[in-house]
N, C-alpha and C. Protein backbone atom coordinates (compact mmCIF):
# COMPACT_ATOMS: atom_id res chain seq x y z
N MET A 1 103.41 90.29 83.70
CA MET A 1 103.84 91.42 84.49
C MET A 1 104.82 92.25 83.64
N SER A 2 105.44 93.23 84.22
CA SER A 2 106.20 94.22 83.46
C SER A 2 107.42 93.64 82.76
N GLY A 3 108.02 94.44 81.90
CA GLY A 3 109.12 94.00 81.08
C GLY A 3 110.49 94.16 81.71
N PHE A 4 110.57 94.14 83.03
CA PHE A 4 111.86 94.24 83.69
C PHE A 4 112.67 92.98 83.43
N ASN A 5 113.96 93.08 83.66
CA ASN A 5 114.87 91.95 83.65
C ASN A 5 114.19 90.81 84.42
N SER A 6 114.24 89.62 83.90
CA SER A 6 113.53 88.52 84.54
C SER A 6 114.34 87.87 85.65
N LYS A 7 115.49 88.41 85.98
CA LYS A 7 116.34 87.84 87.02
C LYS A 7 115.72 88.05 88.40
N CYS A 8 115.40 86.94 89.06
CA CYS A 8 114.81 87.00 90.40
C CYS A 8 115.92 86.74 91.42
N THR A 9 116.09 87.65 92.35
CA THR A 9 117.08 87.49 93.41
C THR A 9 116.49 86.61 94.49
N GLU A 10 117.24 85.60 94.90
CA GLU A 10 116.79 84.68 95.93
C GLU A 10 116.99 85.27 97.32
N ILE A 11 116.05 85.00 98.18
CA ILE A 11 116.13 85.39 99.58
C ILE A 11 116.14 84.12 100.40
N GLY A 12 117.07 84.02 101.34
CA GLY A 12 117.16 82.84 102.18
C GLY A 12 116.02 82.77 103.18
N SER A 13 115.68 81.56 103.61
CA SER A 13 114.56 81.40 104.54
C SER A 13 114.84 82.01 105.91
N ASN A 14 116.09 82.28 106.24
CA ASN A 14 116.43 82.92 107.51
C ASN A 14 116.80 84.40 107.35
N ASP A 15 116.63 84.94 106.15
CA ASP A 15 116.98 86.33 105.90
C ASP A 15 115.84 87.27 106.31
N PHE A 16 116.21 88.37 106.92
CA PHE A 16 115.28 89.44 107.25
C PHE A 16 115.82 90.72 106.67
N LEU A 17 115.09 91.32 105.75
CA LEU A 17 115.47 92.59 105.15
C LEU A 17 114.82 93.70 105.97
N VAL A 18 115.64 94.58 106.53
CA VAL A 18 115.13 95.58 107.45
C VAL A 18 115.46 96.97 106.93
N SER A 19 114.48 97.87 107.03
CA SER A 19 114.72 99.27 106.73
C SER A 19 113.82 100.12 107.61
N LYS A 20 114.28 101.35 107.81
CA LYS A 20 113.50 102.36 108.53
C LYS A 20 113.43 103.59 107.65
N THR A 21 112.31 104.30 107.76
CA THR A 21 112.16 105.55 107.01
C THR A 21 111.66 106.65 107.94
N ASP A 22 111.80 107.87 107.47
CA ASP A 22 111.21 108.99 108.18
C ASP A 22 109.74 109.08 107.77
N LEU A 23 109.06 110.10 108.21
CA LEU A 23 107.62 110.24 107.92
C LEU A 23 107.31 110.42 106.44
N LYS A 24 108.27 110.87 105.68
CA LYS A 24 108.06 111.08 104.24
C LYS A 24 108.50 109.87 103.41
N GLY A 25 108.95 108.79 104.08
CA GLY A 25 109.34 107.59 103.36
C GLY A 25 110.78 107.58 102.90
N LYS A 26 111.61 108.50 103.40
CA LYS A 26 113.04 108.49 103.06
C LYS A 26 113.77 107.54 103.99
N ILE A 27 114.64 106.74 103.41
CA ILE A 27 115.35 105.69 104.16
C ILE A 27 116.34 106.32 105.15
N THR A 28 116.21 105.89 106.41
CA THR A 28 117.12 106.35 107.46
C THR A 28 118.02 105.22 107.96
N TYR A 29 117.64 103.98 107.65
CA TYR A 29 118.43 102.81 108.06
C TYR A 29 118.10 101.67 107.12
N CYS A 30 119.10 100.86 106.81
CA CYS A 30 118.88 99.62 106.08
C CYS A 30 119.96 98.62 106.48
N ASN A 31 119.56 97.36 106.67
CA ASN A 31 120.54 96.36 107.08
C ASN A 31 121.30 95.79 105.88
N GLN A 32 122.35 95.05 106.18
CA GLN A 32 123.23 94.51 105.15
C GLN A 32 122.48 93.57 104.20
N ILE A 33 121.57 92.77 104.72
CA ILE A 33 120.85 91.82 103.87
C ILE A 33 119.98 92.57 102.86
N PHE A 34 119.31 93.64 103.31
CA PHE A 34 118.51 94.45 102.40
C PHE A 34 119.38 95.02 101.28
N MET A 35 120.53 95.57 101.67
CA MET A 35 121.42 96.16 100.66
C MET A 35 121.91 95.10 99.68
N LYS A 36 122.26 93.93 100.20
CA LYS A 36 122.77 92.86 99.34
C LYS A 36 121.70 92.39 98.35
N VAL A 37 120.50 92.13 98.85
CA VAL A 37 119.42 91.65 97.99
C VAL A 37 119.03 92.70 96.96
N ALA A 38 118.91 93.95 97.39
CA ALA A 38 118.51 95.03 96.48
C ALA A 38 119.64 95.46 95.55
N GLY A 39 120.89 95.14 95.93
CA GLY A 39 122.03 95.47 95.07
C GLY A 39 122.49 96.91 95.18
N TYR A 40 122.23 97.53 96.31
CA TYR A 40 122.64 98.92 96.53
C TYR A 40 123.67 99.00 97.64
N LYS A 41 124.47 100.06 97.59
CA LYS A 41 125.36 100.40 98.70
C LYS A 41 124.58 101.31 99.64
N GLU A 42 125.01 101.35 100.89
CA GLU A 42 124.31 102.15 101.89
C GLU A 42 124.15 103.60 101.46
N GLU A 43 125.21 104.18 100.92
CA GLU A 43 125.15 105.59 100.53
C GLU A 43 124.18 105.83 99.36
N GLU A 44 123.83 104.78 98.62
CA GLU A 44 122.87 104.91 97.53
C GLU A 44 121.43 104.86 98.05
N LEU A 45 121.25 104.39 99.28
CA LEU A 45 119.91 104.23 99.84
C LEU A 45 119.56 105.27 100.90
N LEU A 46 120.50 105.58 101.79
CA LEU A 46 120.19 106.50 102.88
C LEU A 46 119.79 107.87 102.35
N GLY A 47 118.68 108.37 102.86
CA GLY A 47 118.16 109.67 102.43
C GLY A 47 117.32 109.62 101.17
N LYS A 48 117.25 108.46 100.53
CA LYS A 48 116.46 108.31 99.30
C LYS A 48 115.05 107.82 99.65
N PRO A 49 114.07 108.14 98.80
CA PRO A 49 112.73 107.60 99.02
C PRO A 49 112.75 106.08 98.93
N HIS A 50 112.01 105.42 99.83
CA HIS A 50 111.98 103.95 99.83
C HIS A 50 111.48 103.41 98.51
N ASN A 51 110.72 104.21 97.78
CA ASN A 51 110.21 103.72 96.50
C ASN A 51 111.30 103.58 95.44
N ILE A 52 112.55 103.81 95.82
CA ILE A 52 113.67 103.54 94.92
C ILE A 52 113.66 102.06 94.49
N VAL A 53 113.09 101.20 95.35
CA VAL A 53 113.02 99.77 95.03
C VAL A 53 111.61 99.34 94.60
N ARG A 54 110.72 100.29 94.42
CA ARG A 54 109.34 99.95 94.05
C ARG A 54 109.28 99.39 92.64
N HIS A 55 108.66 98.27 92.52
CA HIS A 55 108.47 97.61 91.22
C HIS A 55 107.07 97.92 90.70
N PRO A 56 106.94 98.23 89.42
CA PRO A 56 105.62 98.59 88.88
C PRO A 56 104.62 97.44 88.85
N ASP A 57 105.05 96.22 89.15
CA ASP A 57 104.12 95.09 89.18
C ASP A 57 103.29 95.04 90.45
N VAL A 58 103.55 95.94 91.39
CA VAL A 58 102.74 96.00 92.61
C VAL A 58 101.69 97.10 92.41
N PRO A 59 100.42 96.73 92.54
CA PRO A 59 99.36 97.71 92.32
C PRO A 59 99.45 98.88 93.31
N ARG A 60 99.07 100.04 92.84
CA ARG A 60 99.09 101.23 93.69
C ARG A 60 98.18 101.07 94.90
N ILE A 61 97.10 100.30 94.76
CA ILE A 61 96.17 100.13 95.87
C ILE A 61 96.85 99.45 97.06
N VAL A 62 97.82 98.59 96.80
CA VAL A 62 98.54 97.92 97.89
C VAL A 62 99.30 98.96 98.72
N PHE A 63 99.94 99.91 98.04
CA PHE A 63 100.69 100.94 98.77
C PHE A 63 99.74 101.92 99.44
N LYS A 64 98.58 102.16 98.85
CA LYS A 64 97.59 103.03 99.50
C LYS A 64 97.13 102.38 100.80
N LEU A 65 96.81 101.10 100.76
CA LEU A 65 96.42 100.37 101.98
C LEU A 65 97.53 100.43 103.02
N LEU A 66 98.75 100.19 102.57
CA LEU A 66 99.90 100.20 103.47
C LEU A 66 100.05 101.55 104.16
N TRP A 67 100.06 102.62 103.37
CA TRP A 67 100.24 103.95 103.95
C TRP A 67 99.08 104.34 104.85
N ASN A 68 97.86 104.02 104.45
CA ASN A 68 96.71 104.33 105.31
C ASN A 68 96.84 103.66 106.67
N ARG A 69 97.23 102.40 106.67
CA ARG A 69 97.33 101.66 107.93
C ARG A 69 98.44 102.21 108.81
N VAL A 70 99.64 102.36 108.27
CA VAL A 70 100.76 102.78 109.13
C VAL A 70 100.60 104.22 109.58
N GLN A 71 100.01 105.07 108.75
CA GLN A 71 99.80 106.46 109.17
C GLN A 71 98.73 106.56 110.26
N ASN A 72 97.90 105.52 110.38
CA ASN A 72 96.91 105.44 111.45
C ASN A 72 97.46 104.70 112.68
N GLY A 73 98.75 104.41 112.67
CA GLY A 73 99.37 103.76 113.82
C GLY A 73 99.23 102.25 113.86
N GLU A 74 98.82 101.65 112.76
CA GLU A 74 98.61 100.20 112.69
C GLU A 74 99.70 99.54 111.86
N GLU A 75 99.93 98.27 112.13
CA GLU A 75 100.86 97.51 111.30
C GLU A 75 100.10 96.90 110.13
N ILE A 76 100.85 96.49 109.13
CA ILE A 76 100.26 95.81 107.98
C ILE A 76 101.26 94.80 107.43
N PHE A 77 100.72 93.71 106.92
CA PHE A 77 101.51 92.73 106.19
C PHE A 77 101.08 92.82 104.73
N ALA A 78 102.05 92.69 103.83
CA ALA A 78 101.74 92.76 102.40
C ALA A 78 102.80 92.03 101.61
N PHE A 79 102.41 91.56 100.46
CA PHE A 79 103.37 90.99 99.52
C PHE A 79 103.85 92.11 98.61
N VAL A 80 105.17 92.22 98.49
CA VAL A 80 105.74 93.30 97.70
C VAL A 80 106.81 92.73 96.78
N LYS A 81 106.71 93.12 95.53
CA LYS A 81 107.76 92.82 94.56
C LYS A 81 108.60 94.08 94.45
N ASN A 82 109.88 93.96 94.73
CA ASN A 82 110.79 95.09 94.65
C ASN A 82 111.76 94.89 93.51
N LYS A 83 112.26 96.00 92.98
CA LYS A 83 113.26 95.90 91.92
C LYS A 83 114.66 96.08 92.51
N THR A 84 115.59 95.44 91.89
CA THR A 84 116.98 95.54 92.31
C THR A 84 117.69 96.62 91.49
N HIS A 85 118.85 97.00 91.95
CA HIS A 85 119.64 98.03 91.29
C HIS A 85 119.93 97.67 89.83
N ASP A 86 120.11 96.38 89.55
CA ASP A 86 120.46 95.94 88.20
C ASP A 86 119.25 95.62 87.32
N GLY A 87 118.04 95.95 87.80
CA GLY A 87 116.84 95.72 86.99
C GLY A 87 116.15 94.41 87.25
N GLY A 88 116.70 93.59 88.14
CA GLY A 88 116.05 92.36 88.53
C GLY A 88 114.95 92.65 89.54
N TYR A 89 114.52 91.62 90.25
CA TYR A 89 113.46 91.81 91.24
C TYR A 89 113.56 90.75 92.33
N TYR A 90 112.81 90.98 93.38
CA TYR A 90 112.66 90.00 94.45
C TYR A 90 111.32 90.23 95.12
N TRP A 91 110.70 89.13 95.54
CA TRP A 91 109.43 89.18 96.25
C TRP A 91 109.70 89.06 97.74
N VAL A 92 108.93 89.81 98.54
CA VAL A 92 109.03 89.72 99.99
C VAL A 92 107.64 89.72 100.62
N TYR A 93 107.60 89.14 101.80
CA TYR A 93 106.43 89.23 102.67
C TYR A 93 106.81 90.29 103.69
N ALA A 94 106.19 91.46 103.59
CA ALA A 94 106.60 92.62 104.37
C ALA A 94 105.68 92.87 105.56
N ASN A 95 106.28 93.20 106.68
CA ASN A 95 105.56 93.70 107.84
C ASN A 95 106.03 95.14 108.03
N VAL A 96 105.09 96.07 107.94
CA VAL A 96 105.43 97.49 108.08
C VAL A 96 104.68 98.02 109.30
N THR A 97 105.43 98.69 110.17
CA THR A 97 104.85 99.24 111.39
C THR A 97 105.31 100.68 111.57
N PRO A 98 104.50 101.47 112.24
CA PRO A 98 104.95 102.81 112.57
C PRO A 98 105.95 102.76 113.72
N SER A 99 106.92 103.67 113.70
CA SER A 99 107.83 103.85 114.83
C SER A 99 107.23 104.95 115.69
N ILE A 100 107.06 104.68 116.97
CA ILE A 100 106.38 105.58 117.89
C ILE A 100 107.36 106.11 118.93
N ASP A 101 107.30 107.41 119.20
CA ASP A 101 108.17 107.98 120.24
C ASP A 101 107.52 107.85 121.62
N ASP A 102 108.18 108.38 122.66
CA ASP A 102 107.70 108.26 124.04
C ASP A 102 106.35 108.93 124.27
N ARG A 103 106.01 109.88 123.42
CA ARG A 103 104.74 110.61 123.58
C ARG A 103 103.61 110.00 122.75
N GLY A 104 103.92 108.91 122.04
CA GLY A 104 102.91 108.26 121.21
C GLY A 104 102.79 108.82 119.81
N ASN A 105 103.74 109.65 119.41
CA ASN A 105 103.73 110.22 118.06
C ASN A 105 104.44 109.30 117.08
N ILE A 106 103.91 109.21 115.88
CA ILE A 106 104.58 108.45 114.83
C ILE A 106 105.75 109.30 114.34
N VAL A 107 106.96 108.70 114.38
CA VAL A 107 108.16 109.43 113.98
C VAL A 107 108.82 108.83 112.74
N GLY A 108 108.28 107.73 112.25
CA GLY A 108 108.83 107.07 111.08
C GLY A 108 108.17 105.72 110.91
N TYR A 109 108.77 104.91 110.06
CA TYR A 109 108.20 103.60 109.76
C TYR A 109 109.32 102.57 109.71
N TYR A 110 108.97 101.35 110.06
CA TYR A 110 109.92 100.26 110.20
C TYR A 110 109.38 99.09 109.40
N SER A 111 110.21 98.50 108.56
CA SER A 111 109.77 97.38 107.75
C SER A 111 110.73 96.20 107.88
N VAL A 112 110.15 95.05 108.15
CA VAL A 112 110.91 93.80 108.18
C VAL A 112 110.29 92.91 107.11
N ARG A 113 111.13 92.47 106.20
CA ARG A 113 110.66 91.66 105.09
C ARG A 113 111.37 90.31 105.09
N ARG A 114 110.62 89.30 104.70
CA ARG A 114 111.21 87.96 104.63
C ARG A 114 110.74 87.24 103.37
N LYS A 115 111.26 86.06 103.21
CA LYS A 115 110.97 85.25 102.02
C LYS A 115 109.47 84.94 101.95
N VAL A 116 108.94 85.00 100.74
CA VAL A 116 107.53 84.66 100.53
C VAL A 116 107.37 83.15 100.47
N ASN A 117 106.15 82.70 100.70
CA ASN A 117 105.80 81.30 100.51
C ASN A 117 105.69 81.09 99.00
N GLU A 118 106.73 80.52 98.44
CA GLU A 118 106.81 80.40 96.97
C GLU A 118 105.73 79.53 96.37
N LYS A 119 105.22 78.54 97.12
CA LYS A 119 104.19 77.68 96.54
C LYS A 119 102.88 78.43 96.33
N ASN A 120 102.67 79.54 97.03
CA ASN A 120 101.45 80.33 96.87
C ASN A 120 101.69 81.66 96.15
N LEU A 121 102.91 81.92 95.73
CA LEU A 121 103.23 83.20 95.11
C LEU A 121 102.39 83.45 93.86
N HIS A 122 102.05 82.39 93.13
CA HIS A 122 101.23 82.56 91.93
C HIS A 122 99.88 83.21 92.25
N LEU A 123 99.35 82.98 93.46
CA LEU A 123 98.09 83.60 93.87
C LEU A 123 98.24 85.12 93.95
N VAL A 124 99.37 85.56 94.50
CA VAL A 124 99.64 86.99 94.62
C VAL A 124 99.87 87.60 93.24
N GLU A 125 100.66 86.93 92.42
CA GLU A 125 100.93 87.44 91.08
C GLU A 125 99.64 87.59 90.27
N ASP A 126 98.77 86.58 90.34
CA ASP A 126 97.49 86.64 89.62
C ASP A 126 96.63 87.79 90.14
N LEU A 127 96.54 87.93 91.46
CA LEU A 127 95.75 89.01 92.05
C LEU A 127 96.30 90.37 91.64
N TYR A 128 97.61 90.53 91.72
CA TYR A 128 98.21 91.83 91.40
C TYR A 128 98.02 92.19 89.94
N GLU A 129 98.08 91.20 89.05
CA GLU A 129 97.82 91.47 87.64
C GLU A 129 96.39 91.98 87.44
N LYS A 130 95.44 91.35 88.14
CA LYS A 130 94.04 91.78 88.04
C LYS A 130 93.85 93.17 88.62
N LEU A 131 94.48 93.44 89.75
CA LEU A 131 94.35 94.76 90.37
C LEU A 131 94.96 95.85 89.49
N ILE A 132 96.08 95.56 88.86
CA ILE A 132 96.70 96.53 87.96
C ILE A 132 95.80 96.79 86.75
N ARG A 133 95.17 95.74 86.23
CA ARG A 133 94.23 95.92 85.11
C ARG A 133 93.05 96.80 85.53
N GLU A 134 92.55 96.55 86.76
CA GLU A 134 91.44 97.36 87.27
C GLU A 134 91.87 98.82 87.45
N GLU A 135 93.09 99.04 87.94
CA GLU A 135 93.59 100.40 88.10
C GLU A 135 93.72 101.10 86.75
N ALA A 136 94.15 100.37 85.75
CA ALA A 136 94.28 100.96 84.40
C ALA A 136 92.91 101.31 83.83
N ARG A 137 91.93 100.50 84.17
CA ARG A 137 90.58 100.69 83.65
C ARG A 137 89.83 101.78 84.40
N GLY A 138 89.94 101.77 85.76
CA GLY A 138 89.09 102.68 86.53
C GLY A 138 89.75 103.33 87.72
N GLY A 139 91.08 103.34 87.74
CA GLY A 139 91.79 103.97 88.85
C GLY A 139 91.80 103.12 90.10
N MET A 140 92.30 103.72 91.17
CA MET A 140 92.41 102.96 92.42
C MET A 140 91.05 102.58 92.99
N GLU A 141 90.01 103.37 92.68
CA GLU A 141 88.69 103.02 93.16
C GLU A 141 88.25 101.66 92.61
N ALA A 142 88.51 101.43 91.34
CA ALA A 142 88.15 100.15 90.71
C ALA A 142 88.97 99.01 91.31
N SER A 143 90.24 99.27 91.56
CA SER A 143 91.10 98.27 92.15
C SER A 143 90.64 97.93 93.57
N GLN A 144 90.32 98.97 94.34
CA GLN A 144 89.82 98.78 95.70
C GLN A 144 88.52 97.98 95.70
N LYS A 145 87.63 98.30 94.78
CA LYS A 145 86.35 97.58 94.68
C LYS A 145 86.59 96.11 94.36
N TYR A 146 87.50 95.84 93.42
CA TYR A 146 87.81 94.45 93.07
C TYR A 146 88.33 93.69 94.29
N LEU A 147 89.27 94.30 95.01
CA LEU A 147 89.84 93.66 96.20
C LEU A 147 88.77 93.45 97.27
N ASN A 148 87.94 94.45 97.52
CA ASN A 148 86.88 94.32 98.51
C ASN A 148 85.90 93.20 98.15
N ASN A 149 85.53 93.12 96.86
CA ASN A 149 84.63 92.06 96.41
C ASN A 149 85.25 90.69 96.61
N LEU A 150 86.53 90.58 96.31
CA LEU A 150 87.23 89.30 96.50
C LEU A 150 87.22 88.89 97.98
N LEU A 151 87.54 89.82 98.85
CA LEU A 151 87.56 89.53 100.28
C LEU A 151 86.17 89.17 100.79
N ASN A 152 85.15 89.88 100.32
CA ASN A 152 83.77 89.58 100.71
C ASN A 152 83.35 88.20 100.25
N GLU A 153 83.72 87.84 99.01
CA GLU A 153 83.40 86.51 98.48
C GLU A 153 84.02 85.42 99.33
N LYS A 154 85.26 85.66 99.78
CA LYS A 154 85.97 84.68 100.58
C LYS A 154 85.59 84.74 102.06
N GLY A 155 84.90 85.81 102.45
CA GLY A 155 84.47 85.97 103.83
C GLY A 155 85.62 86.19 104.80
N VAL A 156 86.65 86.91 104.33
CA VAL A 156 87.83 87.16 105.16
C VAL A 156 88.21 88.63 105.12
N THR A 157 89.00 89.03 106.11
CA THR A 157 89.57 90.37 106.09
C THR A 157 90.83 90.36 105.23
N TYR A 158 91.32 91.54 104.93
CA TYR A 158 92.59 91.65 104.19
C TYR A 158 93.68 90.90 104.93
N ASP A 159 93.79 91.14 106.24
CA ASP A 159 94.84 90.51 107.04
C ASP A 159 94.75 88.99 107.01
N GLU A 160 93.53 88.48 107.15
CA GLU A 160 93.34 87.01 107.11
C GLU A 160 93.73 86.45 105.74
N PHE A 161 93.36 87.15 104.70
CA PHE A 161 93.66 86.71 103.34
C PHE A 161 95.17 86.64 103.11
N ILE A 162 95.87 87.72 103.47
CA ILE A 162 97.32 87.77 103.27
C ILE A 162 98.02 86.69 104.09
N ALA A 163 97.59 86.53 105.35
CA ALA A 163 98.19 85.49 106.21
C ALA A 163 97.97 84.10 105.66
N SER A 164 96.80 83.87 105.05
CA SER A 164 96.51 82.54 104.51
C SER A 164 97.41 82.20 103.32
N ILE A 165 97.80 83.21 102.57
CA ILE A 165 98.69 82.97 101.42
C ILE A 165 100.10 82.68 101.90
N GLN A 166 100.55 83.44 102.89
CA GLN A 166 101.91 83.21 103.40
C GLN A 166 102.00 81.87 104.13
N GLY A 167 100.91 81.50 104.80
CA GLY A 167 100.85 80.21 105.49
C GLY A 167 101.57 80.12 106.76
């Protein structure tokens, strides 16, 4: 994976990293645990694009799937490697949902992230390396095709696959 600082920030099994964004992905709220793990102060995060913590080891296709789902009013679970302020990283199992107002309109997005199942993390890392190689070779279409073929081979949906890794 990428040449970032190899320092991995630990997340406790009872920790929940929470953030909210507006429709454009700018952070409107973040909890103390998120700030602590990411290594940022609140004023460094509020109003900034959530991709401030995006790590290049996560394939673009994962974020495309995420945005497609939440913009359609659906939740999604995904494994995400984020970068810390000091160049380190941390892995999370993320649940991202749209925030809906009283009229049923999407007004933002809400993400709750927790510790990944470390015994299966190698499966995610291997998959993401392959997806990134496919993206470099043929763009997101190639990455999407690779992921779809994998899911078809296993006879599972994306959601079932991700849930099976987290356990």
